[in-house]
Amino acid sequence: MAGYYKGTAVRADSDRTFDAVVLIDAEGNAQWSLTRADIFNNDGFVLFANVCCESQFTGDVTAKELGETRTRDASLQVELASGALQGQLHFDRDDYSFTLNPSPDYDHAVSLATLAGVYTHTDSTIFGQEVTLTLTIDADGRLTGSYSNGCVFNGNASIPDPTHNMVQLQVDLANCGSHGSSKQWNGAYSGLGVLLSGDAVFYHSVIGPTWLGPQSVER
């Protein structure tokens, strides 16, 4: 099931849809992220588990809501059929169904030399303030960075299979806490990412004390 999949998930008994992205590396480490943005707020959650090594998986998984420290229980039933991921998941008393198509980006070869660079992302808060994330990845995989709220990033990026576009991340966040409730962000994170748009965008998701959501940073 390894790959980078995208599509839509639909909540049962509702017309509410979520953008769904799935990252699965060759070792079976997987994230199902469902996000939904409107003019009022951002909404989302992530499921994470190891789904190695068959073309289907059924079982309990772990989940977190966007920005929340509490870990929740969830369940997942998925099958790889005709190249697409199809199935259902259960989270927070709700059921969701999905059919997600593979992205050809996963089949691109990638190396640490190709991944190396300085990436940034700037976003506006509900109060109109701008916050910026900056990440630097060296050619040996060392990762450093900072966030506008004071967080400092240190860690590493690795590519277990250079014939496929999937990056493993191990990151420590420290010094958070100068803005709002971000002190709860401090700690160790792990996650996955892919290099997109002609090597110009690094899309990634990491999970630790909280889930910061999927992030796209640009060179």
N, C-alpha and C. Protein backbone atom coordinates (compact mmCIF):
# COMPACT_ATOMS: atom_id res chain seq x y z
N MET A 1 0.81 -1.22 0.00
CA MET A 1 0.00 0.00 0.00
C MET A 1 0.84 1.27 0.00
N ALA A 2 2.15 1.14 0.01
CA ALA A 2 3.00 2.32 0.09
C ALA A 2 2.67 3.31 -1.02
N GLY A 3 2.63 4.59 -0.67
CA GLY A 3 2.35 5.61 -1.68
C GLY A 3 1.87 6.90 -1.07
N TYR A 4 1.53 7.81 -1.96
CA TYR A 4 0.99 9.13 -1.62
C TYR A 4 -0.35 9.23 -2.33
N TYR A 5 -1.44 9.26 -1.54
CA TYR A 5 -2.79 9.20 -2.08
C TYR A 5 -3.57 10.46 -1.71
N LYS A 6 -4.46 10.88 -2.61
CA LYS A 6 -5.26 12.08 -2.37
C LYS A 6 -6.70 11.84 -2.82
N GLY A 7 -7.62 12.54 -2.16
CA GLY A 7 -9.02 12.42 -2.54
C GLY A 7 -9.92 13.09 -1.52
N THR A 8 -11.11 12.54 -1.38
CA THR A 8 -12.13 13.12 -0.51
C THR A 8 -12.71 12.04 0.39
N ALA A 9 -12.95 12.41 1.64
CA ALA A 9 -13.66 11.54 2.58
C ALA A 9 -14.99 12.18 2.93
N VAL A 10 -16.02 11.37 3.05
CA VAL A 10 -17.37 11.86 3.32
C VAL A 10 -17.84 11.31 4.66
N ARG A 11 -18.33 12.20 5.52
CA ARG A 11 -18.85 11.76 6.81
C ARG A 11 -20.24 11.17 6.63
N ALA A 12 -20.48 10.03 7.23
CA ALA A 12 -21.77 9.36 7.10
C ALA A 12 -22.89 10.23 7.66
N ASP A 13 -24.08 10.10 7.08
CA ASP A 13 -25.27 10.84 7.52
C ASP A 13 -25.06 12.35 7.44
N SER A 14 -24.24 12.78 6.49
CA SER A 14 -23.94 14.21 6.36
C SER A 14 -23.42 14.45 4.96
N ASP A 15 -23.53 15.70 4.49
CA ASP A 15 -22.93 16.05 3.22
C ASP A 15 -21.58 16.70 3.42
N ARG A 16 -21.05 16.62 4.63
CA ARG A 16 -19.77 17.26 4.93
C ARG A 16 -18.63 16.42 4.36
N THR A 17 -17.79 17.04 3.57
CA THR A 17 -16.65 16.37 2.97
C THR A 17 -15.35 16.94 3.51
N PHE A 18 -14.32 16.11 3.49
CA PHE A 18 -13.00 16.49 3.97
C PHE A 18 -11.97 16.20 2.88
N ASP A 19 -10.99 17.06 2.75
CA ASP A 19 -9.83 16.73 1.92
C ASP A 19 -9.04 15.65 2.64
N ALA A 20 -8.74 14.59 1.94
CA ALA A 20 -8.05 13.46 2.55
C ALA A 20 -6.73 13.20 1.83
N VAL A 21 -5.69 13.04 2.62
CA VAL A 21 -4.36 12.71 2.10
C VAL A 21 -3.82 11.56 2.93
N VAL A 22 -3.22 10.59 2.25
CA VAL A 22 -2.62 9.45 2.92
C VAL A 22 -1.16 9.33 2.50
N LEU A 23 -0.28 9.21 3.49
CA LEU A 23 1.14 8.97 3.28
C LEU A 23 1.48 7.61 3.89
N ILE A 24 2.05 6.72 3.10
CA ILE A 24 2.46 5.40 3.59
C ILE A 24 3.85 5.11 3.06
N ASP A 25 4.80 4.84 3.96
CA ASP A 25 6.14 4.52 3.48
C ASP A 25 6.30 3.02 3.28
N ALA A 26 7.47 2.61 2.81
CA ALA A 26 7.69 1.21 2.46
C ALA A 26 7.68 0.30 3.68
N GLU A 27 7.84 0.87 4.88
CA GLU A 27 7.80 0.09 6.10
C GLU A 27 6.40 -0.01 6.68
N GLY A 28 5.43 0.62 6.02
CA GLY A 28 4.04 0.54 6.47
C GLY A 28 3.61 1.65 7.40
N ASN A 29 4.52 2.56 7.76
CA ASN A 29 4.13 3.70 8.58
C ASN A 29 3.17 4.58 7.78
N ALA A 30 2.02 4.89 8.37
CA ALA A 30 0.96 5.52 7.60
C ALA A 30 0.29 6.64 8.38
N GLN A 31 -0.15 7.64 7.64
CA GLN A 31 -0.98 8.72 8.17
C GLN A 31 -2.17 8.94 7.24
N TRP A 32 -3.35 8.99 7.84
CA TRP A 32 -4.58 9.41 7.14
C TRP A 32 -4.93 10.79 7.69
N SER A 33 -4.78 11.83 6.92
CA SER A 33 -5.15 13.17 7.41
C SER A 33 -6.39 13.66 6.69
N LEU A 34 -7.38 14.10 7.47
CA LEU A 34 -8.61 14.66 6.95
C LEU A 34 -8.72 16.09 7.44
N THR A 35 -8.81 17.03 6.52
CA THR A 35 -8.88 18.44 6.88
C THR A 35 -10.00 19.12 6.12
N ARG A 36 -10.53 20.17 6.74
CA ARG A 36 -11.63 20.92 6.15
C ARG A 36 -11.50 22.36 6.60
N ALA A 37 -11.44 23.28 5.65
CA ALA A 37 -11.31 24.69 5.98
C ALA A 37 -12.52 25.45 5.44
N ASP A 38 -13.03 26.39 6.26
CA ASP A 38 -14.07 27.30 5.79
C ASP A 38 -13.72 28.70 6.29
N ILE A 39 -14.62 29.64 6.11
CA ILE A 39 -14.29 31.02 6.46
C ILE A 39 -14.25 31.24 7.96
N PHE A 40 -14.73 30.27 8.73
CA PHE A 40 -14.78 30.44 10.18
C PHE A 40 -13.63 29.74 10.91
N ASN A 41 -13.24 28.56 10.45
CA ASN A 41 -12.20 27.84 11.18
C ASN A 41 -11.57 26.76 10.31
N ASN A 42 -10.54 26.16 10.85
CA ASN A 42 -9.91 24.99 10.26
C ASN A 42 -10.27 23.78 11.11
N ASP A 43 -10.57 22.69 10.46
CA ASP A 43 -11.04 21.50 11.15
C ASP A 43 -10.26 20.32 10.59
N GLY A 44 -9.86 19.40 11.45
CA GLY A 44 -9.17 18.24 10.91
C GLY A 44 -8.66 17.30 11.98
N PHE A 45 -8.28 16.11 11.53
CA PHE A 45 -7.71 15.12 12.41
C PHE A 45 -6.83 14.19 11.58
N VAL A 46 -6.01 13.41 12.28
CA VAL A 46 -5.11 12.48 11.62
C VAL A 46 -5.17 11.14 12.32
N LEU A 47 -5.12 10.06 11.53
CA LEU A 47 -4.99 8.70 12.04
C LEU A 47 -3.60 8.22 11.70
N PHE A 48 -2.95 7.53 12.63
CA PHE A 48 -1.61 7.02 12.33
C PHE A 48 -1.45 5.62 12.89
N ALA A 49 -0.75 4.80 12.11
CA ALA A 49 -0.56 3.39 12.46
C ALA A 49 0.45 2.79 11.51
N ASN A 50 0.82 1.55 11.77
CA ASN A 50 1.61 0.79 10.81
C ASN A 50 0.68 -0.22 10.14
N VAL A 51 0.59 -0.16 8.81
CA VAL A 51 -0.35 -1.00 8.06
C VAL A 51 0.37 -2.07 7.23
N CYS A 52 1.64 -2.30 7.55
CA CYS A 52 2.44 -3.27 6.80
C CYS A 52 1.84 -4.68 6.96
N CYS A 53 1.82 -5.47 5.94
CA CYS A 53 2.49 -5.32 4.66
C CYS A 53 1.60 -5.90 3.54
N GLU A 54 0.31 -5.98 3.76
CA GLU A 54 -0.59 -6.57 2.78
C GLU A 54 -1.32 -5.48 2.01
N SER A 55 -2.22 -5.90 1.12
CA SER A 55 -2.99 -4.94 0.32
C SER A 55 -4.27 -4.51 1.02
N GLN A 56 -4.45 -4.93 2.28
CA GLN A 56 -5.60 -4.51 3.05
C GLN A 56 -5.24 -4.45 4.53
N PHE A 57 -6.01 -3.67 5.29
CA PHE A 57 -5.76 -3.53 6.71
C PHE A 57 -7.08 -3.25 7.41
N THR A 58 -7.29 -3.93 8.53
CA THR A 58 -8.45 -3.68 9.39
C THR A 58 -7.97 -3.72 10.83
N GLY A 59 -8.26 -2.65 11.57
CA GLY A 59 -7.84 -2.67 12.96
C GLY A 59 -7.98 -1.33 13.64
N ASP A 60 -7.64 -1.31 14.91
CA ASP A 60 -7.65 -0.08 15.69
C ASP A 60 -6.39 0.73 15.40
N VAL A 61 -6.53 2.04 15.37
CA VAL A 61 -5.41 2.94 15.11
C VAL A 61 -5.47 4.07 16.14
N THR A 62 -4.48 4.95 16.09
CA THR A 62 -4.41 6.09 16.99
C THR A 62 -4.70 7.36 16.23
N ALA A 63 -5.28 8.36 16.89
CA ALA A 63 -5.70 9.57 16.20
C ALA A 63 -5.48 10.80 17.08
N LYS A 64 -5.37 11.95 16.42
CA LYS A 64 -5.31 13.23 17.10
C LYS A 64 -6.04 14.28 16.27
N GLU A 65 -6.72 15.18 16.97
CA GLU A 65 -7.31 16.32 16.29
C GLU A 65 -6.27 17.41 16.11
N LEU A 66 -6.55 18.31 15.19
CA LEU A 66 -5.65 19.41 14.89
C LEU A 66 -5.39 20.24 16.14
N GLY A 67 -4.11 20.36 16.52
CA GLY A 67 -3.72 21.20 17.63
C GLY A 67 -4.03 20.67 19.01
N GLU A 68 -4.48 19.41 19.12
CA GLU A 68 -4.89 18.87 20.40
C GLU A 68 -3.84 17.91 20.95
N THR A 69 -3.64 17.95 22.27
CA THR A 69 -2.65 17.07 22.88
C THR A 69 -3.19 15.68 23.17
N ARG A 70 -4.49 15.56 23.35
CA ARG A 70 -5.08 14.27 23.72
C ARG A 70 -5.02 13.29 22.55
N THR A 71 -4.64 12.05 22.84
CA THR A 71 -4.66 10.99 21.84
C THR A 71 -6.00 10.28 21.90
N ARG A 72 -6.58 10.01 20.75
CA ARG A 72 -7.90 9.38 20.67
C ARG A 72 -7.80 8.01 20.00
N ASP A 73 -8.79 7.19 20.28
CA ASP A 73 -8.90 5.90 19.60
C ASP A 73 -9.69 6.05 18.31
N ALA A 74 -9.35 5.24 17.34
CA ALA A 74 -10.05 5.24 16.05
C ALA A 74 -9.89 3.86 15.44
N SER A 75 -10.58 3.62 14.35
CA SER A 75 -10.45 2.35 13.65
C SER A 75 -10.45 2.60 12.15
N LEU A 76 -9.86 1.66 11.43
CA LEU A 76 -9.66 1.82 10.00
C LEU A 76 -9.88 0.50 9.29
N GLN A 77 -10.59 0.55 8.19
CA GLN A 77 -10.73 -0.60 7.29
C GLN A 77 -10.43 -0.11 5.89
N VAL A 78 -9.38 -0.64 5.27
CA VAL A 78 -8.94 -0.14 3.97
C VAL A 78 -8.45 -1.29 3.11
N GLU A 79 -8.63 -1.12 1.81
CA GLU A 79 -8.17 -2.11 0.84
C GLU A 79 -7.62 -1.38 -0.38
N LEU A 80 -6.52 -1.88 -0.90
CA LEU A 80 -5.96 -1.37 -2.15
C LEU A 80 -6.59 -2.16 -3.29
N ALA A 81 -7.45 -1.49 -4.08
CA ALA A 81 -8.18 -2.15 -5.16
C ALA A 81 -8.08 -1.30 -6.42
N SER A 82 -7.61 -1.91 -7.50
CA SER A 82 -7.44 -1.20 -8.78
C SER A 82 -6.58 0.05 -8.61
N GLY A 83 -5.60 -0.05 -7.73
CA GLY A 83 -4.66 1.04 -7.54
C GLY A 83 -5.11 2.12 -6.58
N ALA A 84 -6.36 2.09 -6.14
CA ALA A 84 -6.90 3.12 -5.24
C ALA A 84 -7.12 2.56 -3.84
N LEU A 85 -7.03 3.44 -2.85
CA LEU A 85 -7.34 3.07 -1.47
C LEU A 85 -8.83 3.30 -1.23
N GLN A 86 -9.53 2.25 -0.85
CA GLN A 86 -10.96 2.35 -0.59
C GLN A 86 -11.26 1.81 0.80
N GLY A 87 -12.17 2.48 1.51
CA GLY A 87 -12.51 1.95 2.81
C GLY A 87 -13.28 2.90 3.67
N GLN A 88 -13.28 2.59 4.97
CA GLN A 88 -14.01 3.39 5.95
C GLN A 88 -13.11 3.59 7.18
N LEU A 89 -13.38 4.67 7.89
CA LEU A 89 -12.70 4.90 9.16
C LEU A 89 -13.71 5.44 10.16
N HIS A 90 -13.41 5.22 11.43
CA HIS A 90 -14.27 5.69 12.51
C HIS A 90 -13.44 6.55 13.44
N PHE A 91 -13.96 7.75 13.75
CA PHE A 91 -13.26 8.68 14.63
C PHE A 91 -14.28 9.56 15.34
N ASP A 92 -14.16 9.64 16.67
CA ASP A 92 -14.99 10.55 17.47
C ASP A 92 -16.49 10.37 17.19
N ARG A 93 -16.94 9.13 17.24
CA ARG A 93 -18.36 8.76 17.08
C ARG A 93 -18.88 8.91 15.65
N ASP A 94 -18.03 9.29 14.72
CA ASP A 94 -18.47 9.46 13.34
C ASP A 94 -17.76 8.47 12.42
N ASP A 95 -18.47 8.09 11.35
CA ASP A 95 -17.92 7.20 10.33
C ASP A 95 -17.68 7.98 9.05
N TYR A 96 -16.61 7.62 8.35
CA TYR A 96 -16.25 8.28 7.11
C TYR A 96 -15.93 7.21 6.07
N SER A 97 -16.28 7.49 4.82
CA SER A 97 -15.92 6.60 3.72
C SER A 97 -15.02 7.38 2.76
N PHE A 98 -14.15 6.67 2.06
CA PHE A 98 -13.21 7.35 1.18
C PHE A 98 -12.79 6.44 0.03
N THR A 99 -12.45 7.07 -1.08
CA THR A 99 -11.75 6.45 -2.20
C THR A 99 -10.66 7.42 -2.61
N LEU A 100 -9.41 7.02 -2.46
CA LEU A 100 -8.28 7.91 -2.67
C LEU A 100 -7.39 7.37 -3.78
N ASN A 101 -7.03 8.24 -4.70
CA ASN A 101 -6.24 7.83 -5.86
C ASN A 101 -4.75 8.07 -5.62
N PRO A 102 -3.91 7.21 -6.18
CA PRO A 102 -2.47 7.38 -6.00
C PRO A 102 -1.95 8.56 -6.81
N SER A 103 -0.99 9.26 -6.26
CA SER A 103 -0.34 10.35 -6.99
C SER A 103 0.93 9.82 -7.64
N PRO A 104 1.18 10.18 -8.90
CA PRO A 104 2.42 9.73 -9.55
C PRO A 104 3.67 10.31 -8.92
N ASP A 105 3.51 11.34 -8.05
CA ASP A 105 4.69 11.91 -7.39
C ASP A 105 5.45 10.86 -6.59
N TYR A 106 4.74 9.87 -6.05
CA TYR A 106 5.39 8.85 -5.24
C TYR A 106 6.42 8.06 -6.03
N ASP A 107 6.21 7.93 -7.33
CA ASP A 107 7.09 7.11 -8.16
C ASP A 107 8.34 7.84 -8.63
N HIS A 108 8.50 9.10 -8.23
CA HIS A 108 9.70 9.85 -8.59
C HIS A 108 10.84 9.52 -7.63
N ALA A 109 12.02 9.33 -8.16
CA ALA A 109 13.18 9.12 -7.30
C ALA A 109 13.51 10.43 -6.57
N VAL A 110 13.99 10.30 -5.33
CA VAL A 110 14.36 11.48 -4.55
C VAL A 110 15.59 11.14 -3.72
N SER A 111 16.43 12.13 -3.50
CA SER A 111 17.64 11.96 -2.69
C SER A 111 17.72 13.09 -1.69
N LEU A 112 18.58 12.94 -0.69
CA LEU A 112 18.77 14.01 0.27
C LEU A 112 19.36 15.25 -0.39
N ALA A 113 20.17 15.04 -1.41
CA ALA A 113 20.73 16.19 -2.14
C ALA A 113 19.62 16.97 -2.84
N THR A 114 18.64 16.24 -3.39
CA THR A 114 17.52 16.90 -4.05
C THR A 114 16.62 17.60 -3.04
N LEU A 115 16.44 16.96 -1.89
CA LEU A 115 15.57 17.51 -0.85
C LEU A 115 16.20 18.72 -0.16
N ALA A 116 17.50 18.79 -0.12
CA ALA A 116 18.21 19.83 0.62
C ALA A 116 17.78 21.23 0.15
N GLY A 117 17.61 22.13 1.11
CA GLY A 117 17.24 23.50 0.78
C GLY A 117 16.60 24.20 1.96
N VAL A 118 16.21 25.44 1.73
CA VAL A 118 15.52 26.25 2.73
C VAL A 118 14.08 26.41 2.28
N TYR A 119 13.14 26.08 3.17
CA TYR A 119 11.72 26.11 2.86
C TYR A 119 11.01 27.04 3.85
N THR A 120 10.00 27.75 3.36
CA THR A 120 9.23 28.64 4.23
C THR A 120 7.75 28.54 3.91
N HIS A 121 6.96 28.90 4.89
CA HIS A 121 5.51 29.00 4.72
C HIS A 121 5.00 30.10 5.62
N THR A 122 4.24 31.03 5.05
CA THR A 122 3.65 32.12 5.82
C THR A 122 2.14 32.05 5.70
N ASP A 123 1.48 32.19 6.84
CA ASP A 123 0.03 32.12 6.88
C ASP A 123 -0.49 33.23 7.77
N SER A 124 -1.76 33.58 7.60
CA SER A 124 -2.38 34.61 8.41
C SER A 124 -3.29 33.98 9.45
N THR A 125 -3.25 34.50 10.66
CA THR A 125 -4.14 34.03 11.71
C THR A 125 -5.48 34.72 11.58
N ILE A 126 -6.43 34.30 12.42
CA ILE A 126 -7.76 34.88 12.39
C ILE A 126 -7.74 36.37 12.75
N PHE A 127 -6.64 36.81 13.44
CA PHE A 127 -6.52 38.20 13.82
C PHE A 127 -5.73 39.01 12.80
N GLY A 128 -5.38 38.39 11.69
CA GLY A 128 -4.67 39.10 10.65
C GLY A 128 -3.17 39.12 10.81
N GLN A 129 -2.65 38.49 11.87
CA GLN A 129 -1.22 38.43 12.06
C GLN A 129 -0.62 37.34 11.18
N GLU A 130 0.59 37.57 10.71
CA GLU A 130 1.27 36.59 9.89
C GLU A 130 2.21 35.75 10.75
N VAL A 131 2.19 34.44 10.52
CA VAL A 131 3.11 33.53 11.19
C VAL A 131 3.91 32.79 10.11
N THR A 132 5.18 32.58 10.39
CA THR A 132 6.07 32.00 9.39
C THR A 132 6.80 30.79 9.95
N LEU A 133 6.81 29.71 9.17
CA LEU A 133 7.59 28.52 9.46
C LEU A 133 8.75 28.47 8.48
N THR A 134 9.96 28.28 8.98
CA THR A 134 11.15 28.14 8.14
C THR A 134 11.84 26.83 8.48
N LEU A 135 12.12 26.02 7.45
CA LEU A 135 12.84 24.76 7.64
C LEU A 135 14.05 24.73 6.72
N THR A 136 15.16 24.27 7.26
CA THR A 136 16.37 24.06 6.46
C THR A 136 16.75 22.59 6.55
N ILE A 137 16.90 21.95 5.39
CA ILE A 137 17.32 20.55 5.33
C ILE A 137 18.66 20.50 4.61
N ASP A 138 19.68 19.96 5.29
CA ASP A 138 21.01 19.85 4.70
C ASP A 138 21.12 18.59 3.85
N ALA A 139 22.19 18.53 3.06
CA ALA A 139 22.39 17.39 2.17
C ALA A 139 22.68 16.10 2.94
N ASP A 140 23.05 16.20 4.22
CA ASP A 140 23.24 15.00 5.02
C ASP A 140 21.99 14.63 5.82
N GLY A 141 20.89 15.37 5.62
CA GLY A 141 19.62 15.06 6.25
C GLY A 141 19.34 15.84 7.51
N ARG A 142 20.29 16.63 7.98
CA ARG A 142 20.03 17.39 9.21
C ARG A 142 18.95 18.44 8.93
N LEU A 143 18.02 18.56 9.88
CA LEU A 143 16.89 19.49 9.74
C LEU A 143 16.92 20.48 10.89
N THR A 144 16.82 21.76 10.57
CA THR A 144 16.71 22.82 11.57
C THR A 144 15.64 23.79 11.11
N GLY A 145 15.15 24.60 12.03
CA GLY A 145 14.14 25.57 11.64
C GLY A 145 13.59 26.34 12.81
N SER A 146 12.62 27.20 12.50
CA SER A 146 12.00 28.03 13.53
C SER A 146 10.60 28.41 13.09
N TYR A 147 9.81 28.82 14.08
CA TYR A 147 8.44 29.24 13.86
C TYR A 147 8.25 30.58 14.55
N SER A 148 7.33 31.38 14.04
CA SER A 148 7.15 32.74 14.55
C SER A 148 6.84 32.80 16.04
N ASN A 149 6.27 31.72 16.59
CA ASN A 149 5.91 31.73 18.01
C ASN A 149 7.10 31.42 18.92
N GLY A 150 8.28 31.25 18.34
CA GLY A 150 9.47 30.99 19.13
C GLY A 150 9.96 29.56 19.07
N CYS A 151 9.16 28.64 18.51
CA CYS A 151 9.58 27.24 18.43
C CYS A 151 10.87 27.11 17.61
N VAL A 152 11.74 26.23 18.08
CA VAL A 152 12.97 25.90 17.36
C VAL A 152 12.93 24.42 16.99
N PHE A 153 13.26 24.11 15.74
CA PHE A 153 13.21 22.76 15.22
C PHE A 153 14.63 22.20 15.08
N ASN A 154 14.82 20.96 15.53
CA ASN A 154 16.06 20.24 15.29
C ASN A 154 15.71 18.77 15.05
N GLY A 155 16.32 18.18 14.03
CA GLY A 155 16.02 16.79 13.75
C GLY A 155 16.72 16.31 12.51
N ASN A 156 16.12 15.32 11.87
CA ASN A 156 16.72 14.79 10.65
C ASN A 156 15.66 14.26 9.71
N ALA A 157 16.02 14.24 8.43
CA ALA A 157 15.20 13.67 7.37
C ALA A 157 15.97 12.50 6.76
N SER A 158 15.27 11.43 6.44
CA SER A 158 15.89 10.27 5.82
C SER A 158 15.00 9.74 4.71
N ILE A 159 15.62 9.06 3.76
CA ILE A 159 14.88 8.50 2.62
C ILE A 159 15.21 7.01 2.54
N PRO A 160 14.37 6.16 3.11
CA PRO A 160 14.66 4.72 3.15
C PRO A 160 14.77 4.08 1.77
N ASP A 161 13.96 4.58 0.81
CA ASP A 161 13.95 4.01 -0.53
C ASP A 161 14.11 5.14 -1.54
N PRO A 162 15.32 5.38 -2.05
CA PRO A 162 15.55 6.52 -2.94
C PRO A 162 14.85 6.41 -4.29
N THR A 163 14.29 5.23 -4.60
CA THR A 163 13.55 5.11 -5.86
C THR A 163 12.12 5.62 -5.74
N HIS A 164 11.71 5.96 -4.50
CA HIS A 164 10.37 6.47 -4.28
C HIS A 164 10.41 7.75 -3.44
N ASN A 165 9.44 8.60 -3.69
CA ASN A 165 9.38 9.93 -3.09
C ASN A 165 8.62 9.86 -1.76
N MET A 166 9.32 9.45 -0.70
CA MET A 166 8.73 9.41 0.63
C MET A 166 9.85 9.63 1.64
N VAL A 167 9.69 10.66 2.46
CA VAL A 167 10.73 11.08 3.40
C VAL A 167 10.25 10.81 4.82
N GLN A 168 11.11 10.21 5.63
CA GLN A 168 10.83 10.03 7.05
C GLN A 168 11.44 11.20 7.83
N LEU A 169 10.69 11.69 8.81
CA LEU A 169 11.12 12.84 9.60
C LEU A 169 11.14 12.50 11.08
N GLN A 170 12.18 12.94 11.76
CA GLN A 170 12.27 12.89 13.22
C GLN A 170 12.66 14.30 13.66
N VAL A 171 11.80 14.94 14.45
CA VAL A 171 12.00 16.35 14.78
C VAL A 171 11.73 16.59 16.26
N ASP A 172 12.57 17.40 16.89
CA ASP A 172 12.34 17.87 18.25
C ASP A 172 11.97 19.34 18.20
N LEU A 173 10.87 19.72 18.87
CA LEU A 173 10.47 21.11 19.01
C LEU A 173 10.79 21.58 20.42
N ALA A 174 11.43 22.74 20.51
CA ALA A 174 11.79 23.30 21.81
C ALA A 174 11.56 24.80 21.77
N ASN A 175 11.51 25.39 22.95
CA ASN A 175 11.39 26.84 23.10
C ASN A 175 10.02 27.37 22.71
N CYS A 176 9.04 26.50 22.49
CA CYS A 176 7.69 26.96 22.19
C CYS A 176 7.06 27.55 23.45
N GLY A 177 6.12 28.45 23.26
CA GLY A 177 5.40 28.95 24.41
C GLY A 177 5.30 30.45 24.51
N SER A 178 5.88 31.17 23.54
CA SER A 178 5.83 32.63 23.59
C SER A 178 4.55 33.18 22.98
N HIS A 179 3.72 32.29 22.44
CA HIS A 179 2.48 32.75 21.80
C HIS A 179 1.35 31.78 22.14
N GLY A 180 0.32 32.28 22.82
CA GLY A 180 -0.86 31.46 23.09
C GLY A 180 -0.52 30.20 23.85
N SER A 181 -1.10 29.08 23.41
CA SER A 181 -0.92 27.80 24.10
C SER A 181 0.16 26.95 23.44
N SER A 182 1.05 27.56 22.69
CA SER A 182 2.01 26.77 21.92
C SER A 182 3.04 26.06 22.79
N LYS A 183 3.10 26.36 24.10
CA LYS A 183 4.03 25.64 24.97
C LYS A 183 3.78 24.14 24.93
N GLN A 184 2.54 23.75 24.67
CA GLN A 184 2.20 22.33 24.60
C GLN A 184 2.83 21.65 23.39
N TRP A 185 3.38 22.42 22.46
CA TRP A 185 3.99 21.83 21.27
C TRP A 185 5.35 21.21 21.54
N ASN A 186 6.03 21.60 22.60
CA ASN A 186 7.38 21.12 22.86
C ASN A 186 7.42 19.59 22.95
N GLY A 187 8.43 18.98 22.30
CA GLY A 187 8.58 17.54 22.39
C GLY A 187 9.08 16.92 21.10
N ALA A 188 9.07 15.60 21.05
CA ALA A 188 9.58 14.84 19.91
C ALA A 188 8.44 14.49 18.95
N TYR A 189 8.71 14.63 17.66
CA TYR A 189 7.74 14.37 16.61
C TYR A 189 8.33 13.41 15.57
N SER A 190 7.45 12.66 14.92
CA SER A 190 7.85 11.84 13.78
C SER A 190 6.78 11.97 12.71
N GLY A 191 7.19 11.79 11.47
CA GLY A 191 6.22 11.93 10.40
C GLY A 191 6.80 11.59 9.04
N LEU A 192 6.04 11.97 8.01
CA LEU A 192 6.37 11.64 6.63
C LEU A 192 6.18 12.87 5.75
N GLY A 193 6.86 12.86 4.60
CA GLY A 193 6.70 13.97 3.68
C GLY A 193 7.02 13.54 2.25
N VAL A 194 6.60 14.38 1.30
CA VAL A 194 6.90 14.16 -0.12
C VAL A 194 7.32 15.48 -0.74
N LEU A 195 8.21 15.39 -1.73
CA LEU A 195 8.71 16.56 -2.44
C LEU A 195 7.91 16.73 -3.72
N LEU A 196 7.27 17.90 -3.89
CA LEU A 196 6.29 18.10 -4.95
C LEU A 196 6.64 19.29 -5.84
N SER A 197 5.84 19.44 -6.89
CA SER A 197 5.86 20.62 -7.78
C SER A 197 7.25 20.92 -8.29
N GLY A 198 7.85 19.92 -8.95
CA GLY A 198 9.16 20.13 -9.50
C GLY A 198 10.22 20.41 -8.45
N ASP A 199 10.12 19.75 -7.32
CA ASP A 199 11.07 19.87 -6.20
C ASP A 199 10.98 21.22 -5.50
N ALA A 200 9.91 21.96 -5.69
CA ALA A 200 9.80 23.30 -5.09
C ALA A 200 9.01 23.31 -3.79
N VAL A 201 8.20 22.29 -3.54
CA VAL A 201 7.33 22.26 -2.36
C VAL A 201 7.56 20.96 -1.59
N PHE A 202 7.73 21.10 -0.26
CA PHE A 202 7.86 19.93 0.60
C PHE A 202 6.60 19.83 1.45
N TYR A 203 5.78 18.82 1.16
CA TYR A 203 4.53 18.58 1.89
C TYR A 203 4.82 17.54 2.96
N HIS A 204 4.46 17.85 4.22
CA HIS A 204 4.79 16.92 5.29
C HIS A 204 3.78 17.01 6.42
N SER A 205 3.82 16.01 7.27
CA SER A 205 2.96 15.96 8.45
C SER A 205 3.73 15.25 9.55
N VAL A 206 3.79 15.85 10.74
CA VAL A 206 4.48 15.23 11.87
C VAL A 206 3.55 15.20 13.08
N ILE A 207 3.72 14.18 13.90
CA ILE A 207 2.87 13.97 15.07
C ILE A 207 3.75 13.79 16.30
N GLY A 208 3.41 14.48 17.36
CA GLY A 208 4.11 14.36 18.64
C GLY A 208 3.15 14.69 19.75
N PRO A 209 3.52 15.62 20.65
CA PRO A 209 2.59 16.02 21.71
C PRO A 209 1.28 16.55 21.15
N THR A 210 1.32 17.12 19.97
CA THR A 210 0.11 17.53 19.27
C THR A 210 0.29 17.23 17.79
N TRP A 211 -0.75 17.47 17.00
CA TRP A 211 -0.64 17.37 15.55
C TRP A 211 -0.81 18.76 14.98
N LEU A 212 0.19 19.24 14.23
CA LEU A 212 0.18 20.59 13.70
C LEU A 212 -0.52 20.69 12.36
N GLY A 213 -1.01 19.57 11.86
CA GLY A 213 -1.68 19.57 10.57
C GLY A 213 -0.70 19.35 9.43
N PRO A 214 -1.20 19.03 8.25
CA PRO A 214 -0.31 18.91 7.09
C PRO A 214 0.19 20.29 6.70
N GLN A 215 1.46 20.38 6.32
CA GLN A 215 2.07 21.66 6.00
C GLN A 215 2.81 21.57 4.67
N SER A 216 2.67 22.60 3.86
CA SER A 216 3.43 22.71 2.61
C SER A 216 4.36 23.91 2.74
N VAL A 217 5.65 23.65 2.67
CA VAL A 217 6.64 24.72 2.71
C VAL A 217 7.32 24.80 1.34
N GLU A 218 7.66 26.02 0.93
CA GLU A 218 8.19 26.24 -0.42
C GLU A 218 9.62 26.75 -0.37
N ARG A 219 10.39 26.38 -1.39
CA ARG A 219 11.76 26.87 -1.49
C ARG A 219 11.73 28.38 -1.75
